[in-house]
N, C-alpha and C. Protein backbone atom coordinates (compact mmCIF):
# COMPACT_ATOMS: atom_id res chain seq x y z
N UNK A 1 -28.56 -19.41 1.86
CA UNK A 1 -27.03 -19.81 1.81
C UNK A 1 -26.41 -19.65 3.11
N UNK A 2 -25.35 -20.79 3.19
CA UNK A 2 -24.55 -20.71 4.50
C UNK A 2 -23.63 -19.85 4.37
N UNK A 3 -23.07 -19.38 5.63
CA UNK A 3 -22.04 -18.83 5.79
C UNK A 3 -20.79 -19.24 5.03
N UNK A 4 -20.63 -20.38 5.15
CA UNK A 4 -19.40 -21.25 4.50
C UNK A 4 -19.36 -20.88 2.90
N UNK A 5 -20.71 -20.99 2.43
CA UNK A 5 -20.62 -20.88 1.03
C UNK A 5 -20.42 -19.17 0.55
N UNK A 6 -21.07 -18.49 1.42
CA UNK A 6 -20.80 -16.91 1.15
C UNK A 6 -19.03 -16.74 1.40
N UNK A 7 -18.53 -17.30 2.52
CA UNK A 7 -17.09 -16.93 2.71
C UNK A 7 -16.22 -17.40 1.70
N UNK A 8 -16.73 -18.71 0.96
CA UNK A 8 -15.90 -19.30 0.06
C UNK A 8 -16.05 -18.54 -1.35
N UNK A 9 -17.32 -17.73 -1.56
CA UNK A 9 -17.39 -17.14 -2.92
C UNK A 9 -16.70 -16.12 -2.72
N UNK A 10 -16.58 -15.39 -1.56
CA UNK A 10 -15.91 -13.98 -1.18
C UNK A 10 -14.42 -14.28 -1.57
N UNK A 11 -13.93 -15.40 -0.72
CA UNK A 11 -12.35 -15.62 -0.86
C UNK A 11 -12.00 -16.13 -2.30
N UNK A 12 -13.16 -16.61 -3.56
CA UNK A 12 -12.83 -16.99 -4.70
C UNK A 12 -12.74 -15.49 -5.55
N UNK A 13 -13.66 -14.54 -5.11
CA UNK A 13 -13.49 -13.29 -5.91
C UNK A 13 -12.52 -12.60 -5.51
N UNK A 14 -11.91 -12.57 -4.25
CA UNK A 14 -10.71 -12.16 -3.86
C UNK A 14 -9.53 -12.51 -4.79
N UNK A 15 -9.55 -13.74 -4.90
CA UNK A 15 -8.28 -14.61 -5.52
C UNK A 15 -8.48 -14.17 -6.81
N UNK A 16 -9.54 -14.15 -7.68
CA UNK A 16 -9.72 -13.65 -9.01
C UNK A 16 -9.38 -12.45 -9.13
N UNK A 17 -9.81 -11.45 -8.40
CA UNK A 17 -9.13 -10.17 -8.45
C UNK A 17 -7.97 -9.74 -8.38
N UNK A 18 -7.18 -10.64 -7.75
CA UNK A 18 -5.65 -10.71 -7.72
C UNK A 18 -5.21 -11.30 -8.98
N UNK A 19 -5.38 -12.49 -9.15
CA UNK A 19 -4.85 -13.19 -10.19
C UNK A 19 -5.14 -12.71 -11.99
N UNK A 20 -6.30 -12.53 -11.91
CA UNK A 20 -6.73 -12.25 -13.52
C UNK A 20 -5.95 -10.75 -13.95
N UNK A 21 -5.79 -9.85 -13.27
CA UNK A 21 -5.12 -8.70 -13.99
C UNK A 21 -3.60 -9.19 -14.33
N UNK A 22 -3.12 -9.92 -13.37
CA UNK A 22 -1.61 -10.43 -13.77
C UNK A 22 -1.43 -11.39 -14.85
N UNK A 23 -2.66 -11.94 -15.35
CA UNK A 23 -2.76 -12.92 -16.28
C UNK A 23 -3.04 -12.10 -17.48
N UNK A 24 -3.77 -10.86 -17.58
CA UNK A 24 -4.10 -10.42 -18.85
C UNK A 24 -3.50 -8.99 -19.24
N UNK A 25 -2.67 -8.60 -18.16
CA UNK A 25 -1.89 -7.55 -18.62
C UNK A 25 -0.28 -7.61 -18.84
N UNK A 26 0.05 -7.48 -20.13
CA UNK A 26 1.10 -7.76 -20.80
C UNK A 26 2.30 -6.82 -20.47
N UNK A 27 3.53 -7.00 -20.13
CA UNK A 27 4.60 -6.21 -19.94
C UNK A 27 4.98 -6.00 -18.34
N UNK A 28 5.93 -5.18 -18.11
CA UNK A 28 6.35 -4.89 -16.63
C UNK A 28 5.70 -3.83 -15.87
N UNK A 29 5.67 -4.15 -14.78
CA UNK A 29 5.05 -3.26 -13.93
C UNK A 29 6.16 -2.43 -13.55
N UNK A 30 6.13 -1.11 -13.79
CA UNK A 30 6.79 0.09 -13.46
C UNK A 30 6.29 1.07 -12.40
N UNK A 31 7.62 1.61 -11.77
CA UNK A 31 7.19 2.73 -10.85
C UNK A 31 6.83 3.93 -11.42
N UNK A 32 6.37 5.17 -10.78
CA UNK A 32 6.21 6.42 -11.13
C UNK A 32 7.63 7.05 -11.50
N UNK A 33 8.49 6.75 -10.92
CA UNK A 33 9.88 7.16 -10.86
C UNK A 33 10.44 6.77 -12.31
N UNK A 34 10.31 5.68 -12.53
CA UNK A 34 10.93 5.35 -13.93
C UNK A 34 9.87 5.89 -15.27
N UNK A 35 8.89 5.97 -14.95
CA UNK A 35 7.99 6.47 -16.01
C UNK A 35 8.36 8.27 -16.43
N UNK A 36 8.37 8.84 -15.13
CA UNK A 36 8.87 10.16 -15.24
C UNK A 36 10.10 10.34 -15.72
N UNK A 37 11.14 9.50 -15.40
CA UNK A 37 12.55 9.64 -16.14
C UNK A 37 12.64 9.33 -17.50
N UNK A 38 11.56 8.39 -18.02
CA UNK A 38 11.37 8.23 -19.58
C UNK A 38 11.13 9.35 -20.13
N UNK A 39 9.93 10.04 -19.56
CA UNK A 39 9.35 11.28 -20.10
C UNK A 39 10.09 12.53 -20.48
N UNK A 40 11.04 12.75 -19.11
CA UNK A 40 12.13 13.57 -19.19
C UNK A 40 13.12 13.49 -20.26
N UNK A 41 13.90 12.18 -20.31
CA UNK A 41 14.58 11.97 -20.95
C UNK A 41 14.09 12.07 -22.63
N UNK A 42 12.71 11.81 -22.97
CA UNK A 42 12.15 12.21 -24.08
C UNK A 42 12.28 13.64 -24.60
N UNK A 43 11.72 14.52 -23.76
CA UNK A 43 11.42 15.96 -23.72
C UNK A 43 12.84 16.82 -23.97
N UNK A 44 14.00 16.26 -22.97
CA UNK A 44 15.22 16.95 -23.00
C UNK A 44 16.11 16.09 -22.92
N UNK A 45 16.74 15.17 -24.03
CA UNK A 45 17.75 14.33 -23.91
C UNK A 45 18.99 14.62 -23.17
N UNK A 46 19.39 16.00 -23.01
CA UNK A 46 20.47 16.48 -22.08
C UNK A 46 20.35 16.72 -20.89
N UNK A 47 19.20 16.21 -20.39
CA UNK A 47 19.03 16.81 -18.91
C UNK A 47 19.74 15.86 -18.08
N UNK A 48 20.48 16.73 -16.96
CA UNK A 48 21.11 15.95 -16.00
C UNK A 48 20.59 16.21 -14.50
N UNK A 49 20.28 15.13 -13.83
CA UNK A 49 19.78 15.11 -12.46
C UNK A 49 20.55 15.87 -11.62
N UNK A 50 19.93 16.54 -10.68
CA UNK A 50 20.45 17.44 -9.76
C UNK A 50 21.31 16.76 -8.77
N UNK A 51 20.70 15.92 -8.29
CA UNK A 51 21.40 14.87 -7.18
C UNK A 51 21.58 13.32 -7.65
N UNK A 52 22.40 12.59 -7.30
CA UNK A 52 22.64 11.39 -7.31
C UNK A 52 22.09 10.41 -6.08
N UNK A 53 21.42 9.39 -6.55
CA UNK A 53 21.20 8.49 -4.91
C UNK A 53 22.29 8.24 -4.39
N UNK A 54 22.30 8.11 -3.01
CA UNK A 54 23.42 7.77 -2.08
C UNK A 54 23.85 6.22 -2.21
N UNK A 55 22.82 5.39 -2.62
CA UNK A 55 23.01 4.04 -2.81
C UNK A 55 22.03 3.38 -3.93
N UNK A 56 22.49 2.60 -4.81
CA UNK A 56 21.55 1.85 -5.62
C UNK A 56 21.04 0.50 -5.09
N UNK A 57 19.75 0.27 -4.89
CA UNK A 57 19.19 -0.71 -4.22
C UNK A 57 18.53 -1.62 -5.34
N UNK A 58 18.91 -3.13 -5.14
CA UNK A 58 18.24 -3.74 -6.07
C UNK A 58 16.87 -3.91 -6.07
N UNK A 59 16.07 -4.26 -7.21
CA UNK A 59 14.44 -3.97 -7.60
C UNK A 59 13.95 -4.55 -6.09
N UNK A 60 14.24 -6.07 -5.60
CA UNK A 60 13.58 -6.46 -4.85
C UNK A 60 13.72 -5.99 -3.42
N UNK A 61 14.88 -5.34 -3.20
CA UNK A 61 15.10 -4.49 -1.98
C UNK A 61 14.09 -3.30 -1.75
N UNK A 62 14.11 -2.69 -2.83
CA UNK A 62 13.31 -1.41 -3.01
C UNK A 62 11.89 -1.83 -2.78
N UNK A 63 11.35 -2.68 -3.55
CA UNK A 63 10.03 -3.25 -3.22
C UNK A 63 9.65 -3.64 -1.96
N UNK A 64 10.66 -4.46 -1.23
CA UNK A 64 10.51 -4.76 0.09
C UNK A 64 10.21 -3.55 0.98
N UNK A 65 11.21 -2.76 0.99
CA UNK A 65 11.06 -1.37 1.50
C UNK A 65 9.73 -0.59 1.44
N UNK A 66 9.25 -0.63 0.23
CA UNK A 66 8.05 0.22 -0.10
C UNK A 66 6.82 -0.60 0.67
N UNK A 67 6.77 -1.85 0.52
CA UNK A 67 5.77 -2.83 1.34
C UNK A 67 5.94 -2.68 2.76
N UNK A 68 7.00 -2.51 3.29
CA UNK A 68 7.17 -2.33 4.84
C UNK A 68 6.64 -1.10 5.04
N UNK A 69 7.05 -0.08 4.42
CA UNK A 69 6.37 1.28 4.71
C UNK A 69 4.90 1.27 4.71
N UNK A 70 4.16 0.65 3.56
CA UNK A 70 3.05 0.61 3.62
C UNK A 70 2.19 -0.20 4.68
N UNK A 71 2.88 -1.26 5.28
CA UNK A 71 2.55 -2.40 6.41
C UNK A 71 2.44 -1.28 7.67
N UNK A 72 3.63 -0.44 8.02
CA UNK A 72 3.55 0.13 8.99
C UNK A 72 2.60 1.29 9.02
N UNK A 73 2.30 1.71 7.87
CA UNK A 73 1.40 2.92 7.90
C UNK A 73 -0.08 2.41 8.03
N UNK A 74 -0.45 1.17 7.48
CA UNK A 74 -1.53 0.45 7.62
C UNK A 74 -1.63 0.29 9.29
N UNK A 75 -0.56 -0.24 9.99
CA UNK A 75 -0.77 -0.67 11.15
C UNK A 75 -1.09 0.40 12.25
N UNK A 76 -0.51 1.65 11.82
CA UNK A 76 -0.76 2.99 12.63
C UNK A 76 -1.78 3.52 12.66
N UNK A 77 -2.49 3.26 11.08
CA UNK A 77 -3.99 3.63 11.06
C UNK A 77 -4.81 2.75 11.79
N UNK A 78 -4.78 1.80 11.48
CA UNK A 78 -5.52 0.51 12.40
C UNK A 78 -5.52 0.68 13.79
N UNK A 79 -4.27 0.77 14.37
CA UNK A 79 -4.28 0.95 15.75
C UNK A 79 -4.96 2.36 16.19
N UNK A 80 -4.89 3.45 15.35
CA UNK A 80 -5.50 4.72 15.94
C UNK A 80 -7.07 4.49 15.72
N UNK A 81 -7.69 3.84 14.66
CA UNK A 81 -8.72 3.58 14.49
C UNK A 81 -9.40 2.72 15.66
N UNK A 82 -8.58 1.72 16.11
CA UNK A 82 -9.16 0.90 16.96
C UNK A 82 -9.10 1.32 18.61
N UNK A 83 -8.25 2.36 18.61
CA UNK A 83 -8.00 3.15 19.81
C UNK A 83 -9.19 4.12 19.94
N UNK A 84 -9.48 4.68 19.01
CA UNK A 84 -10.88 5.42 18.95
C UNK A 84 -11.95 5.02 19.26
N UNK A 85 -12.29 3.99 18.60
CA UNK A 85 -13.70 3.01 18.53
C UNK A 85 -13.51 2.49 20.03
N UNK A 86 -12.46 2.14 20.51
CA UNK A 86 -12.78 1.42 22.04
C UNK A 86 -13.01 2.68 22.88
N UNK A 87 -12.39 4.01 22.81
CA UNK A 87 -12.66 4.91 23.60
C UNK A 87 -14.32 5.37 23.52
N UNK A 88 -15.03 5.03 22.62
CA UNK A 88 -16.17 5.40 21.98
C UNK A 88 -16.88 4.23 22.82
N UNK A 89 -16.65 3.32 23.22
CA UNK A 89 -17.58 2.20 23.82
C UNK A 89 -17.31 2.35 25.16
N UNK A 90 -16.58 3.13 25.97
CA UNK A 90 -16.36 3.34 27.15
C UNK A 90 -17.35 4.29 27.70
N UNK A 91 -17.73 3.95 29.02
CA UNK A 91 -18.68 5.16 29.67
C UNK A 91 -17.72 6.25 30.12
N UNK A 92 -18.58 7.34 29.96
CA UNK A 92 -17.62 8.68 30.69
C UNK A 92 -17.62 8.77 31.99
N UNK A 93 -16.23 9.02 32.40
CA UNK A 93 -16.16 9.24 33.59
C UNK A 93 -16.28 10.67 34.00
N UNK A 94 -16.83 10.75 35.22
CA UNK A 94 -16.99 12.41 35.77
C UNK A 94 -15.66 12.61 36.45
N UNK A 95 -15.23 13.82 35.90
CA UNK A 95 -13.94 14.52 36.36
C UNK A 95 -14.12 15.18 37.86
N UNK A 96 -15.28 15.33 38.17
CA UNK A 96 -15.47 16.12 39.35
C UNK A 96 -15.74 15.12 40.35
N UNK A 97 -14.91 14.92 41.27
CA UNK A 97 -15.10 13.81 42.84
C UNK A 97 -15.44 14.70 44.05
N UNK A 98 -16.17 13.90 44.55
CA UNK A 98 -16.66 14.49 45.86
C UNK A 98 -15.69 14.28 47.10
């Protein structure tokens, strides 16, 4: 089997892994904060939060900031791994000079 076919099949598998759960899962995707708030309200309806948020962000903005945070973290990890891998391939330099 040629590399083009292998790459095409892998791309199709990735697309299916992304699309199929969205088609078969019914309902909204919520965050852990919303789920925790619901459980706390069920346990103790009179509960008052200790702090209020400084600002209320729309859902899209909140999601964008979360994705940006994840992208920055992935970039830092990728850069660090690349730097370490690059240092492994370099010949060691002798620190003693004559």
